[in-house]
Amino acid sequence: MNIGILMSGQGAQKVGMAADLYAEVPAYRATIDEASAILGYDLQAEVNMNGHKLQQTAYAQAAILAMSVGIYRALADVLPQPKAALGLSLGEYSALTIAGSFNFAQAIAIVRDRGAYMQAAGEAHPGKMVAAMTDDQALITKTLQDLVAAGKKVYPANYNTFNQLVFGGVTADVDTAMAALTDAGVNRLIELPVSGAFHTPLLASAAAELTGRLADETFGESAYPVYSNTTGQVFDDVHATLLKQIVAPTFFAQALQKMVADEQIDTLIEFGPSDTLSKFARKIVGKEVKRYNVNDLASYEKLRADLVAQG
């Protein structure tokens, strides 16, 4: 098996996520408890009971990273070394952690602060995000460019698949873009339940704060390639890429396509709260690449059994 790991981004978190893993899998529970000690609060208790906090960027990011890394650790005794890893936005921190570029305590502390910076920036510069479902992405980018030239603050944010492009910006300007795209024949526009216009210049203050936060951090060498959805290439300058990521669009589709081709990936495994990236992958690289997603005890046990059976 040539395994590629996918790490979830923000947005799929939900109350009670992976509670059964916490109850039944000691290695997973140890990871969540380690995160709780770093964060200064009972992370699993918050996940189980506090949906309001889970929708806040300041809490959600640490919870998703801890869950994703916890599942990976729980399978480490049967999982062959991956050929490569790729995360969506926040998921890049999870991917860098499992590959050894960050240690876990370092990653949890950084994303705790990153989430707080992003939440504060979103509150100071309110905005929203919309997914445009069309394979004519040139139409989307051209429409947004024209609006920016006219003084509007609305930007491409996430190239998730080759027929899904998320854009975001100031709420009124996003509404203007939605009207323009509807007039141009784009029929599926879906507003997303997020707390800010992530991956746009509206998050510039968060990038500035993260610049100072990362200045004294040192990162190790990854045990295998980690692809960045900011650059579409293997991570090189981790500091610079993670700072750019906050205000620049993500290119998950392009990065996944390149990773699968370059590393000859035949199996993708997604860790995190949902199967979103696995669904994206089916559209990007096709059904011939086998896909797993692990987000609860049943999916964990299935993958473990399959990995043991394959030796």
C-alpha atoms as a PDB file:
ATOM      1  CA  MET A   1       0.000   0.000   0.000  1.00  0.00           C
ATOM      2  CA  ASN A   2       1.179   3.477  -0.883  1.00  0.00           C
ATOM      3  CA  ILE A   3      -0.716   5.440   1.727  1.00  0.00           C
ATOM      4  CA  GLY A   4      -1.507   9.141   1.633  1.00  0.00           C
ATOM      5  CA  ILE A   5      -2.908  10.701   4.797  1.00  0.00           C
ATOM      6  CA  LEU A   6      -5.569  13.426   4.648  1.00  0.00           C
ATOM      7  CA  MET A   7      -6.136  15.648   7.684  1.00  0.00           C
ATOM      8  CA  SER A   8      -9.449  17.440   8.206  1.00  0.00           C
ATOM      9  CA  GLY A   9      -9.852  21.176   8.266  1.00  0.00           C
ATOM     10  CA  GLN A  10     -12.229  23.279  10.302  1.00  0.00           C
ATOM     11  CA  GLY A  11     -15.976  23.184   9.764  1.00  0.00           C
ATOM     12  CA  ALA A  12     -16.892  19.534  10.270  1.00  0.00           C
ATOM     13  CA  GLN A  13     -16.627  19.546  14.076  1.00  0.00           C
ATOM     14  CA  LYS A  14     -19.680  18.416  16.003  1.00  0.00           C
ATOM     15  CA  VAL A  15     -20.770  17.766  19.556  1.00  0.00           C
ATOM     16  CA  GLY A  16     -19.681  14.355  20.799  1.00  0.00           C
ATOM     17  CA  MET A  17     -17.240  13.700  17.965  1.00  0.00           C
ATOM     18  CA  ALA A  18     -15.102  10.624  18.665  1.00  0.00           C
ATOM     19  CA  ALA A  19     -16.568  10.163  22.153  1.00  0.00           C
ATOM     20  CA  ASP A  20     -16.669   6.404  21.517  1.00  0.00           C
ATOM     21  CA  LEU A  21     -12.968   6.415  20.612  1.00  0.00           C
ATOM     22  CA  TYR A  22     -12.192   8.276  23.826  1.00  0.00           C
ATOM     23  CA  ALA A  23     -14.138   5.688  25.838  1.00  0.00           C
ATOM     24  CA  GLU A  24     -12.768   2.576  24.128  1.00  0.00           C
ATOM     25  CA  VAL A  25      -9.281   3.278  22.696  1.00  0.00           C
ATOM     26  CA  PRO A  26      -6.532   4.010  25.269  1.00  0.00           C
ATOM     27  CA  ALA A  27      -4.068   5.544  22.812  1.00  0.00           C
ATOM     28  CA  TYR A  28      -6.707   7.955  21.575  1.00  0.00           C
ATOM     29  CA  ARG A  29      -7.769   8.852  25.104  1.00  0.00           C
ATOM     30  CA  ALA A  30      -4.138   9.521  26.079  1.00  0.00           C
ATOM     31  CA  THR A  31      -3.767  11.989  23.214  1.00  0.00           C
ATOM     32  CA  ILE A  32      -6.917  13.916  24.131  1.00  0.00           C
ATOM     33  CA  ASP A  33      -5.869  13.985  27.795  1.00  0.00           C
ATOM     34  CA  GLU A  34      -2.449  15.287  26.784  1.00  0.00           C
ATOM     35  CA  ALA A  35      -4.142  18.065  24.817  1.00  0.00           C
ATOM     36  CA  SER A  36      -6.350  18.884  27.803  1.00  0.00           C
ATOM     37  CA  ALA A  37      -3.286  19.347  30.010  1.00  0.00           C
ATOM     38  CA  ILE A  38      -1.778  21.784  27.498  1.00  0.00           C
ATOM     39  CA  LEU A  39      -5.022  23.697  26.921  1.00  0.00           C
ATOM     40  CA  GLY A  40      -5.919  23.960  30.585  1.00  0.00           C
ATOM     41  CA  TYR A  41      -9.438  22.555  30.258  1.00  0.00           C
ATOM     42  CA  ASP A  42     -11.075  19.146  29.759  1.00  0.00           C
ATOM     43  CA  LEU A  43     -11.168  18.937  25.982  1.00  0.00           C
ATOM     44  CA  GLN A  44     -13.336  15.826  25.781  1.00  0.00           C
ATOM     45  CA  ALA A  45     -15.869  17.310  28.196  1.00  0.00           C
ATOM     46  CA  GLU A  46     -16.135  20.404  25.997  1.00  0.00           C
ATOM     47  CA  VAL A  47     -16.470  18.259  22.868  1.00  0.00           C
ATOM     48  CA  ASN A  48     -19.195  16.182  24.487  1.00  0.00           C
ATOM     49  CA  MET A  49     -21.312  19.021  25.854  1.00  0.00           C
ATOM     50  CA  ASN A  50     -20.505  22.427  24.432  1.00  0.00           C
ATOM     51  CA  GLY A  51     -21.654  22.940  20.874  1.00  0.00           C
ATOM     52  CA  HIS A  52     -21.413  26.709  21.257  1.00  0.00           C
ATOM     53  CA  LYS A  53     -17.697  26.565  21.993  1.00  0.00           C
ATOM     54  CA  LEU A  54     -17.072  24.031  19.217  1.00  0.00           C
ATOM     55  CA  GLN A  55     -18.396  26.532  16.707  1.00  0.00           C
ATOM     56  CA  GLN A  56     -15.849  29.077  17.886  1.00  0.00           C
ATOM     57  CA  THR A  57     -12.571  29.033  15.995  1.00  0.00           C
ATOM     58  CA  ALA A  58     -10.628  29.529  19.220  1.00  0.00           C
ATOM     59  CA  TYR A  59     -11.823  26.126  20.504  1.00  0.00           C
ATOM     60  CA  ALA A  60     -12.532  24.168  17.341  1.00  0.00           C
ATOM     61  CA  GLN A  61      -9.023  24.184  15.914  1.00  0.00           C
ATOM     62  CA  ALA A  62      -7.351  22.514  18.893  1.00  0.00           C
ATOM     63  CA  ALA A  63     -10.186  19.983  19.147  1.00  0.00           C
ATOM     64  CA  ILE A  64      -9.884  18.955  15.490  1.00  0.00           C
ATOM     65  CA  LEU A  65      -6.085  18.696  15.584  1.00  0.00           C
ATOM     66  CA  ALA A  66      -6.165  16.610  18.765  1.00  0.00           C
ATOM     67  CA  MET A  67      -8.804  14.291  17.309  1.00  0.00           C
ATOM     68  CA  SER A  68      -6.963  13.850  14.007  1.00  0.00           C
ATOM     69  CA  VAL A  69      -3.578  13.170  15.585  1.00  0.00           C
ATOM     70  CA  GLY A  70      -5.181  10.971  18.247  1.00  0.00           C
ATOM     71  CA  ILE A  71      -6.679   8.652  15.639  1.00  0.00           C
ATOM     72  CA  TYR A  72      -3.367   8.461  13.794  1.00  0.00           C
ATOM     73  CA  ARG A  73      -1.539   7.570  17.007  1.00  0.00           C
ATOM     74  CA  ALA A  74      -4.120   4.930  17.876  1.00  0.00           C
ATOM     75  CA  LEU A  75      -3.431   3.179  14.569  1.00  0.00           C
ATOM     76  CA  ALA A  76       0.341   3.659  14.572  1.00  0.00           C
ATOM     77  CA  ASP A  77       1.054   0.057  15.596  1.00  0.00           C
ATOM     78  CA  VAL A  78      -0.590  -1.339  12.437  1.00  0.00           C
ATOM     79  CA  LEU A  79      -0.266   1.548   9.975  1.00  0.00           C
ATOM     80  CA  PRO A  80       2.627   1.370   7.485  1.00  0.00           C
ATOM     81  CA  GLN A  81       4.612   4.581   7.182  1.00  0.00           C
ATOM     82  CA  PRO A  82       2.696   6.860   4.835  1.00  0.00           C
ATOM     83  CA  LYS A  83       4.214   7.946   1.563  1.00  0.00           C
ATOM     84  CA  ALA A  84       2.905  11.503   2.081  1.00  0.00           C
ATOM     85  CA  ALA A  85       0.351  13.626   3.920  1.00  0.00           C
ATOM     86  CA  LEU A  86      -1.889  16.566   3.082  1.00  0.00           C
ATOM     87  CA  GLY A  87      -4.164  18.655   5.277  1.00  0.00           C
ATOM     88  CA  LEU A  88      -6.861  21.164   4.421  1.00  0.00           C
ATOM     89  CA  SER A  89      -6.038  24.527   6.008  1.00  0.00           C
ATOM     90  CA  LEU A  90      -5.889  23.768   9.756  1.00  0.00           C
ATOM     91  CA  GLY A  91      -5.252  20.161   8.732  1.00  0.00           C
ATOM     92  CA  GLU A  92      -1.788  21.171   7.563  1.00  0.00           C
ATOM     93  CA  TYR A  93      -0.798  21.472  11.228  1.00  0.00           C
ATOM     94  CA  SER A  94      -2.088  17.946  11.873  1.00  0.00           C
ATOM     95  CA  ALA A  95      -0.211  16.627   8.832  1.00  0.00           C
ATOM     96  CA  LEU A  96       3.034  18.316   9.881  1.00  0.00           C
ATOM     97  CA  THR A  97       2.609  16.903  13.390  1.00  0.00           C
ATOM     98  CA  ILE A  98       2.203  13.257  12.409  1.00  0.00           C
ATOM     99  CA  ALA A  99       5.169  13.588  10.026  1.00  0.00           C
ATOM    100  CA  GLY A 100       7.378  14.928  12.829  1.00  0.00           C
ATOM    101  CA  SER A 101       7.840  18.540  11.789  1.00  0.00           C
ATOM    102  CA  PHE A 102       5.988  19.642  14.952  1.00  0.00           C
ATOM    103  CA  ASN A 103       5.738  17.824  18.239  1.00  0.00           C
ATOM    104  CA  PHE A 104       2.194  17.413  19.526  1.00  0.00           C
ATOM    105  CA  ALA A 105       2.459  19.797  22.480  1.00  0.00           C
ATOM    106  CA  GLN A 106       3.923  22.454  20.202  1.00  0.00           C
ATOM    107  CA  ALA A 107       1.176  21.989  17.610  1.00  0.00           C
ATOM    108  CA  ILE A 108      -1.670  22.177  20.148  1.00  0.00           C
ATOM    109  CA  ALA A 109      -0.252  25.366  21.667  1.00  0.00           C
ATOM    110  CA  ILE A 110       0.212  26.996  18.265  1.00  0.00           C
ATOM    111  CA  VAL A 111      -3.264  26.168  16.944  1.00  0.00           C
ATOM    112  CA  ARG A 112      -4.831  27.286  20.235  1.00  0.00           C
ATOM    113  CA  ASP A 113      -3.291  30.708  19.634  1.00  0.00           C
ATOM    114  CA  ARG A 114      -3.906  30.638  15.875  1.00  0.00           C
ATOM    115  CA  GLY A 115      -7.578  29.945  16.485  1.00  0.00           C
ATOM    116  CA  ALA A 116      -7.824  32.854  18.924  1.00  0.00           C
ATOM    117  CA  TYR A 117      -6.122  35.200  16.454  1.00  0.00           C
ATOM    118  CA  MET A 118      -8.446  34.129  13.647  1.00  0.00           C
ATOM    119  CA  GLN A 119     -11.553  34.457  15.777  1.00  0.00           C
ATOM    120  CA  ALA A 120     -10.549  37.964  16.873  1.00  0.00           C
ATOM    121  CA  ALA A 121      -9.831  38.951  13.259  1.00  0.00           C
ATOM    122  CA  GLY A 122     -13.193  37.584  12.155  1.00  0.00           C
ATOM    123  CA  GLU A 123     -14.994  39.556  14.850  1.00  0.00           C
ATOM    124  CA  ALA A 124     -13.099  42.753  13.983  1.00  0.00           C
ATOM    125  CA  HIS A 125     -13.644  42.303  10.240  1.00  0.00           C
ATOM    126  CA  PRO A 126     -16.938  40.427   9.814  1.00  0.00           C
ATOM    127  CA  GLY A 127     -17.475  38.479   6.644  1.00  0.00           C
ATOM    128  CA  LYS A 128     -18.875  35.295   5.222  1.00  0.00           C
ATOM    129  CA  MET A 129     -18.005  32.503   2.823  1.00  0.00           C
ATOM    130  CA  VAL A 130     -19.929  30.847   0.002  1.00  0.00           C
ATOM    131  CA  ALA A 131     -19.261  27.671  -1.973  1.00  0.00           C
ATOM    132  CA  ALA A 132     -19.835  28.002  -5.709  1.00  0.00           C
ATOM    133  CA  MET A 133     -20.586  24.645  -7.346  1.00  0.00           C
ATOM    134  CA  THR A 134     -19.506  24.874 -10.971  1.00  0.00           C
ATOM    135  CA  ASP A 135     -16.729  23.558 -13.166  1.00  0.00           C
ATOM    136  CA  ASP A 136     -16.372  27.011 -14.729  1.00  0.00           C
ATOM    137  CA  GLN A 137     -14.020  28.297 -12.055  1.00  0.00           C
ATOM    138  CA  ALA A 138     -12.583  30.849 -14.452  1.00  0.00           C
ATOM    139  CA  LEU A 139     -15.982  32.543 -14.401  1.00  0.00           C
ATOM    140  CA  ILE A 140     -15.854  32.754 -10.602  1.00  0.00           C
ATOM    141  CA  THR A 141     -12.340  34.184 -10.461  1.00  0.00           C
ATOM    142  CA  LYS A 142     -13.035  36.683 -13.246  1.00  0.00           C
ATOM    143  CA  THR A 143     -16.213  37.896 -11.520  1.00  0.00           C
ATOM    144  CA  LEU A 144     -14.356  38.329  -8.219  1.00  0.00           C
ATOM    145  CA  GLN A 145     -11.465  40.134  -9.928  1.00  0.00           C
ATOM    146  CA  ASP A 146     -13.894  42.574 -11.528  1.00  0.00           C
ATOM    147  CA  LEU A 147     -15.532  43.232  -8.175  1.00  0.00           C
ATOM    148  CA  VAL A 148     -12.179  43.804  -6.467  1.00  0.00           C
ATOM    149  CA  ALA A 149     -11.259  46.240  -9.241  1.00  0.00           C
ATOM    150  CA  ALA A 150     -14.498  48.067  -8.450  1.00  0.00           C
ATOM    151  CA  GLY A 151     -13.483  48.387  -4.804  1.00  0.00           C
ATOM    152  CA  LYS A 152     -15.291  45.359  -3.362  1.00  0.00           C
ATOM    153  CA  LYS A 153     -13.634  43.080  -0.803  1.00  0.00           C
ATOM    154  CA  VAL A 154     -14.460  39.570  -1.995  1.00  0.00           C
ATOM    155  CA  TYR A 155     -11.860  36.934  -2.858  1.00  0.00           C
ATOM    156  CA  PRO A 156     -11.361  33.281  -3.838  1.00  0.00           C
ATOM    157  CA  ALA A 157     -10.609  31.282  -0.684  1.00  0.00           C
ATOM    158  CA  ASN A 158     -10.693  27.503  -1.258  1.00  0.00           C
ATOM    159  CA  TYR A 159     -10.262  25.525  -4.476  1.00  0.00           C
ATOM    160  CA  ASN A 160     -11.663  22.356  -2.886  1.00  0.00           C
ATOM    161  CA  THR A 161     -12.360  20.358  -6.059  1.00  0.00           C
ATOM    162  CA  PHE A 162     -12.379  21.208  -9.724  1.00  0.00           C
ATOM    163  CA  ASN A 163     -16.081  22.047  -9.455  1.00  0.00           C
ATOM    164  CA  GLN A 164     -16.220  23.617  -5.993  1.00  0.00           C
ATOM    165  CA  LEU A 165     -14.663  26.992  -5.275  1.00  0.00           C
ATOM    166  CA  VAL A 166     -15.314  28.826  -2.006  1.00  0.00           C
ATOM    167  CA  PHE A 167     -15.098  32.609  -1.926  1.00  0.00           C
ATOM    168  CA  GLY A 168     -15.341  35.033   0.956  1.00  0.00           C
ATOM    169  CA  GLY A 169     -15.095  38.619   2.048  1.00  0.00           C
ATOM    170  CA  VAL A 170     -17.120  41.462   3.501  1.00  0.00           C
ATOM    171  CA  THR A 171     -20.713  40.278   3.855  1.00  0.00           C
ATOM    172  CA  ALA A 172     -22.310  42.911   1.620  1.00  0.00           C
ATOM    173  CA  ASP A 173     -19.665  42.372  -1.058  1.00  0.00           C
ATOM    174  CA  VAL A 174     -20.142  38.607  -0.950  1.00  0.00           C
ATOM    175  CA  ASP A 175     -23.855  39.202  -1.444  1.00  0.00           C
ATOM    176  CA  THR A 176     -23.026  41.353  -4.483  1.00  0.00           C
ATOM    177  CA  ALA A 177     -20.846  38.560  -5.853  1.00  0.00           C
ATOM    178  CA  MET A 178     -23.607  36.005  -5.320  1.00  0.00           C
ATOM    179  CA  ALA A 179     -26.031  38.161  -7.291  1.00  0.00           C
ATOM    180  CA  ALA A 180     -23.510  38.633 -10.099  1.00  0.00           C
ATOM    181  CA  LEU A 181     -22.758  34.919 -10.289  1.00  0.00           C
ATOM    182  CA  THR A 182     -26.434  34.019 -10.272  1.00  0.00           C
ATOM    183  CA  ASP A 183     -26.970  36.405 -13.185  1.00  0.00           C
ATOM    184  CA  ALA A 184     -24.038  34.724 -14.941  1.00  0.00           C
ATOM    185  CA  GLY A 185     -25.716  31.325 -14.648  1.00  0.00           C
ATOM    186  CA  VAL A 186     -24.140  29.812 -11.518  1.00  0.00           C
ATOM    187  CA  ASN A 187     -27.097  28.044  -9.930  1.00  0.00           C
ATOM    188  CA  ARG A 188     -25.592  26.445  -6.816  1.00  0.00           C
ATOM    189  CA  LEU A 189     -24.251  28.890  -4.237  1.00  0.00           C
ATOM    190  CA  ILE A 190     -24.117  27.606  -0.653  1.00  0.00           C
ATOM    191  CA  GLU A 191     -23.409  29.869   2.309  1.00  0.00           C
ATOM    192  CA  LEU A 192     -21.075  28.225   4.822  1.00  0.00           C
ATOM    193  CA  PRO A 193     -21.486  28.238   8.627  1.00  0.00           C
ATOM    194  CA  VAL A 194     -18.141  29.866   9.461  1.00  0.00           C
ATOM    195  CA  SER A 195     -17.207  32.767  11.731  1.00  0.00           C
ATOM    196  CA  GLY A 196     -15.110  34.763   9.288  1.00  0.00           C
ATOM    197  CA  ALA A 197     -13.792  35.111   5.749  1.00  0.00           C
ATOM    198  CA  PHE A 198     -10.867  32.721   6.160  1.00  0.00           C
ATOM    199  CA  HIS A 199      -8.042  32.620   3.632  1.00  0.00           C
ATOM    200  CA  THR A 200      -8.723  36.185   2.505  1.00  0.00           C
ATOM    201  CA  PRO A 201      -7.035  39.534   3.256  1.00  0.00           C
ATOM    202  CA  LEU A 202      -9.684  40.160   5.938  1.00  0.00           C
ATOM    203  CA  LEU A 203      -7.565  37.916   8.188  1.00  0.00           C
ATOM    204  CA  ALA A 204      -4.449  40.092   7.861  1.00  0.00           C
ATOM    205  CA  SER A 205      -4.382  40.943  11.573  1.00  0.00           C
ATOM    206  CA  ALA A 206      -4.348  37.225  12.452  1.00  0.00           C
ATOM    207  CA  ALA A 207      -1.423  36.679  10.093  1.00  0.00           C
ATOM    208  CA  ALA A 208       0.433  39.557  11.754  1.00  0.00           C
ATOM    209  CA  GLU A 209      -0.077  38.060  15.213  1.00  0.00           C
ATOM    210  CA  LEU A 210       0.899  34.590  14.039  1.00  0.00           C
ATOM    211  CA  THR A 211       4.097  36.056  12.592  1.00  0.00           C
ATOM    212  CA  GLY A 212       5.214  36.992  16.072  1.00  0.00           C
ATOM    213  CA  ARG A 213       3.940  33.731  17.556  1.00  0.00           C
ATOM    214  CA  LEU A 214       5.944  31.557  15.165  1.00  0.00           C
ATOM    215  CA  ALA A 215       9.093  33.674  15.208  1.00  0.00           C
ATOM    216  CA  ASP A 216      10.855  31.619  17.881  1.00  0.00           C
ATOM    217  CA  GLU A 217       9.423  28.221  16.979  1.00  0.00           C
ATOM    218  CA  THR A 218      11.714  25.614  15.480  1.00  0.00           C
ATOM    219  CA  PHE A 219      10.445  22.783  13.320  1.00  0.00           C
ATOM    220  CA  GLY A 220      11.979  19.388  12.627  1.00  0.00           C
ATOM    221  CA  GLU A 221      12.393  17.461   9.414  1.00  0.00           C
ATOM    222  CA  SER A 222       9.343  15.548   8.243  1.00  0.00           C
ATOM    223  CA  ALA A 223       9.689  11.786   8.009  1.00  0.00           C
ATOM    224  CA  TYR A 224       7.879  11.878   4.655  1.00  0.00           C
ATOM    225  CA  PRO A 225       6.637  14.599   2.290  1.00  0.00           C
ATOM    226  CA  VAL A 226       3.857  16.858   3.537  1.00  0.00           C
ATOM    227  CA  TYR A 227       2.110  18.694   0.724  1.00  0.00           C
ATOM    228  CA  SER A 228       0.846  22.219   1.295  1.00  0.00           C
ATOM    229  CA  ASN A 229      -2.530  23.264  -0.026  1.00  0.00           C
ATOM    230  CA  THR A 230      -1.256  26.846  -0.017  1.00  0.00           C
ATOM    231  CA  THR A 231       1.548  26.269  -2.509  1.00  0.00           C
ATOM    232  CA  GLY A 232       0.464  22.978  -4.082  1.00  0.00           C
ATOM    233  CA  GLN A 233       3.987  21.682  -3.426  1.00  0.00           C
ATOM    234  CA  VAL A 234       5.798  19.796  -0.664  1.00  0.00           C
ATOM    235  CA  PHE A 235       6.399  22.028   2.363  1.00  0.00           C
ATOM    236  CA  ASP A 236       9.729  23.812   2.158  1.00  0.00           C
ATOM    237  CA  ASP A 237       9.691  26.956   4.295  1.00  0.00           C
ATOM    238  CA  VAL A 238       7.196  25.984   6.989  1.00  0.00           C
ATOM    239  CA  HIS A 239       7.168  29.391   8.689  1.00  0.00           C
ATOM    240  CA  ALA A 240       6.492  31.358   5.513  1.00  0.00           C
ATOM    241  CA  THR A 241       3.889  28.958   4.172  1.00  0.00           C
ATOM    242  CA  LEU A 242       1.845  28.823   7.378  1.00  0.00           C
ATOM    243  CA  LEU A 243       1.796  32.615   7.577  1.00  0.00           C
ATOM    244  CA  LYS A 244       0.732  32.968   3.951  1.00  0.00           C
ATOM    245  CA  GLN A 245      -1.948  30.320   4.450  1.00  0.00           C
ATOM    246  CA  ILE A 246      -4.140  32.540   6.653  1.00  0.00           C
ATOM    247  CA  VAL A 247      -4.714  35.215   4.001  1.00  0.00           C
ATOM    248  CA  ALA A 248      -4.180  33.249   0.772  1.00  0.00           C
ATOM    249  CA  PRO A 249      -6.472  30.759  -0.990  1.00  0.00           C
ATOM    250  CA  THR A 250      -6.041  27.031  -0.533  1.00  0.00           C
ATOM    251  CA  PHE A 251      -5.598  24.686  -3.497  1.00  0.00           C
ATOM    252  CA  PHE A 252      -6.575  21.322  -2.060  1.00  0.00           C
ATOM    253  CA  ALA A 253      -7.617  19.864  -5.405  1.00  0.00           C
ATOM    254  CA  GLN A 254      -4.332  20.719  -7.097  1.00  0.00           C
ATOM    255  CA  ALA A 255      -2.220  19.602  -4.115  1.00  0.00           C
ATOM    256  CA  LEU A 256      -4.019  16.249  -3.826  1.00  0.00           C
ATOM    257  CA  GLN A 257      -3.743  15.581  -7.537  1.00  0.00           C
ATOM    258  CA  LYS A 258       0.006  16.253  -7.403  1.00  0.00           C
ATOM    259  CA  MET A 259       0.567  14.189  -4.248  1.00  0.00           C
ATOM    260  CA  VAL A 260      -1.225  11.151  -5.656  1.00  0.00           C
ATOM    261  CA  ALA A 261       0.724  11.367  -8.928  1.00  0.00           C
ATOM    262  CA  ASP A 262       4.146  12.142  -7.435  1.00  0.00           C
ATOM    263  CA  GLU A 263       4.001   9.553  -4.641  1.00  0.00           C
ATOM    264  CA  GLN A 264       2.009   6.913  -6.563  1.00  0.00           C
ATOM    265  CA  ILE A 265      -0.637   6.876  -3.847  1.00  0.00           C
ATOM    266  CA  ASP A 266      -3.126   4.010  -4.099  1.00  0.00           C
ATOM    267  CA  THR A 267      -4.834   4.439  -0.701  1.00  0.00           C
ATOM    268  CA  LEU A 268      -6.023   7.629   0.994  1.00  0.00           C
ATOM    269  CA  ILE A 269      -6.917   7.687   4.690  1.00  0.00           C
ATOM    270  CA  GLU A 270      -8.683  10.703   6.172  1.00  0.00           C
ATOM    271  CA  PHE A 271      -8.501  11.409   9.904  1.00  0.00           C
ATOM    272  CA  GLY A 272     -10.838  13.941  11.495  1.00  0.00           C
ATOM    273  CA  PRO A 273     -14.488  14.700  12.221  1.00  0.00           C
ATOM    274  CA  SER A 274     -15.998  13.856   8.823  1.00  0.00           C
ATOM    275  CA  ASP A 275     -15.486  12.294   5.408  1.00  0.00           C
ATOM    276  CA  THR A 276     -15.377  15.624   3.551  1.00  0.00           C
ATOM    277  CA  LEU A 277     -11.872  15.212   2.136  1.00  0.00           C
ATOM    278  CA  SER A 278     -12.573  11.631   1.092  1.00  0.00           C
ATOM    279  CA  LYS A 279     -15.560  12.887  -0.886  1.00  0.00           C
ATOM    280  CA  PHE A 280     -13.413  15.610  -2.434  1.00  0.00           C
ATOM    281  CA  ALA A 281     -10.809  12.973  -3.321  1.00  0.00           C
ATOM    282  CA  ARG A 282     -13.320  10.858  -5.209  1.00  0.00           C
ATOM    283  CA  LYS A 283     -13.994  13.840  -7.458  1.00  0.00           C
ATOM    284  CA  ILE A 284     -10.332  14.815  -7.800  1.00  0.00           C
ATOM    285  CA  VAL A 285      -8.429  11.542  -8.280  1.00  0.00           C
ATOM    286  CA  GLY A 286     -11.212   9.109  -9.091  1.00  0.00           C
ATOM    287  CA  LYS A 287     -12.512   5.853  -7.666  1.00  0.00           C
ATOM    288  CA  GLU A 288      -9.385   3.863  -8.496  1.00  0.00           C
ATOM    289  CA  VAL A 289      -7.649   5.272  -5.399  1.00  0.00           C
ATOM    290  CA  LYS A 290      -9.024   3.468  -2.350  1.00  0.00           C
ATOM    291  CA  ARG A 291     -10.401   5.759   0.350  1.00  0.00           C
ATOM    292  CA  TYR A 292     -10.951   5.397   4.075  1.00  0.00           C
ATOM    293  CA  ASN A 293     -12.104   7.931   6.613  1.00  0.00           C
ATOM    294  CA  VAL A 294     -11.846   7.398  10.354  1.00  0.00           C
ATOM    295  CA  ASN A 295     -13.978   9.493  12.695  1.00  0.00           C
ATOM    296  CA  ASP A 296     -15.553   7.041  15.150  1.00  0.00           C
ATOM    297  CA  LEU A 297     -15.056   3.624  16.721  1.00  0.00           C
ATOM    298  CA  ALA A 298     -16.676   1.656  13.889  1.00  0.00           C
ATOM    299  CA  SER A 299     -14.549   3.238  11.154  1.00  0.00           C
ATOM    300  CA  TYR A 300     -11.443   2.889  13.351  1.00  0.00           C
ATOM    301  CA  GLU A 301     -12.059  -0.816  13.891  1.00  0.00           C
ATOM    302  CA  LYS A 302     -12.717  -1.395  10.183  1.00  0.00           C
ATOM    303  CA  LEU A 303      -9.477   0.244   9.112  1.00  0.00           C
ATOM    304  CA  ARG A 304      -7.507  -1.532  11.848  1.00  0.00           C
ATOM    305  CA  ALA A 305      -8.894  -4.891  10.719  1.00  0.00           C
ATOM    306  CA  ASP A 306      -8.086  -4.150   7.065  1.00  0.00           C
ATOM    307  CA  LEU A 307      -4.530  -3.055   7.900  1.00  0.00           C
ATOM    308  CA  VAL A 308      -3.916  -6.189  10.012  1.00  0.00           C
ATOM    309  CA  ALA A 309      -5.311  -8.421   7.251  1.00  0.00           C
ATOM    310  CA  GLN A 310      -2.975  -6.822   4.700  1.00  0.00           C
ATOM    311  CA  GLY A 311       0.005  -7.377   6.945  1.00  0.00           C
END
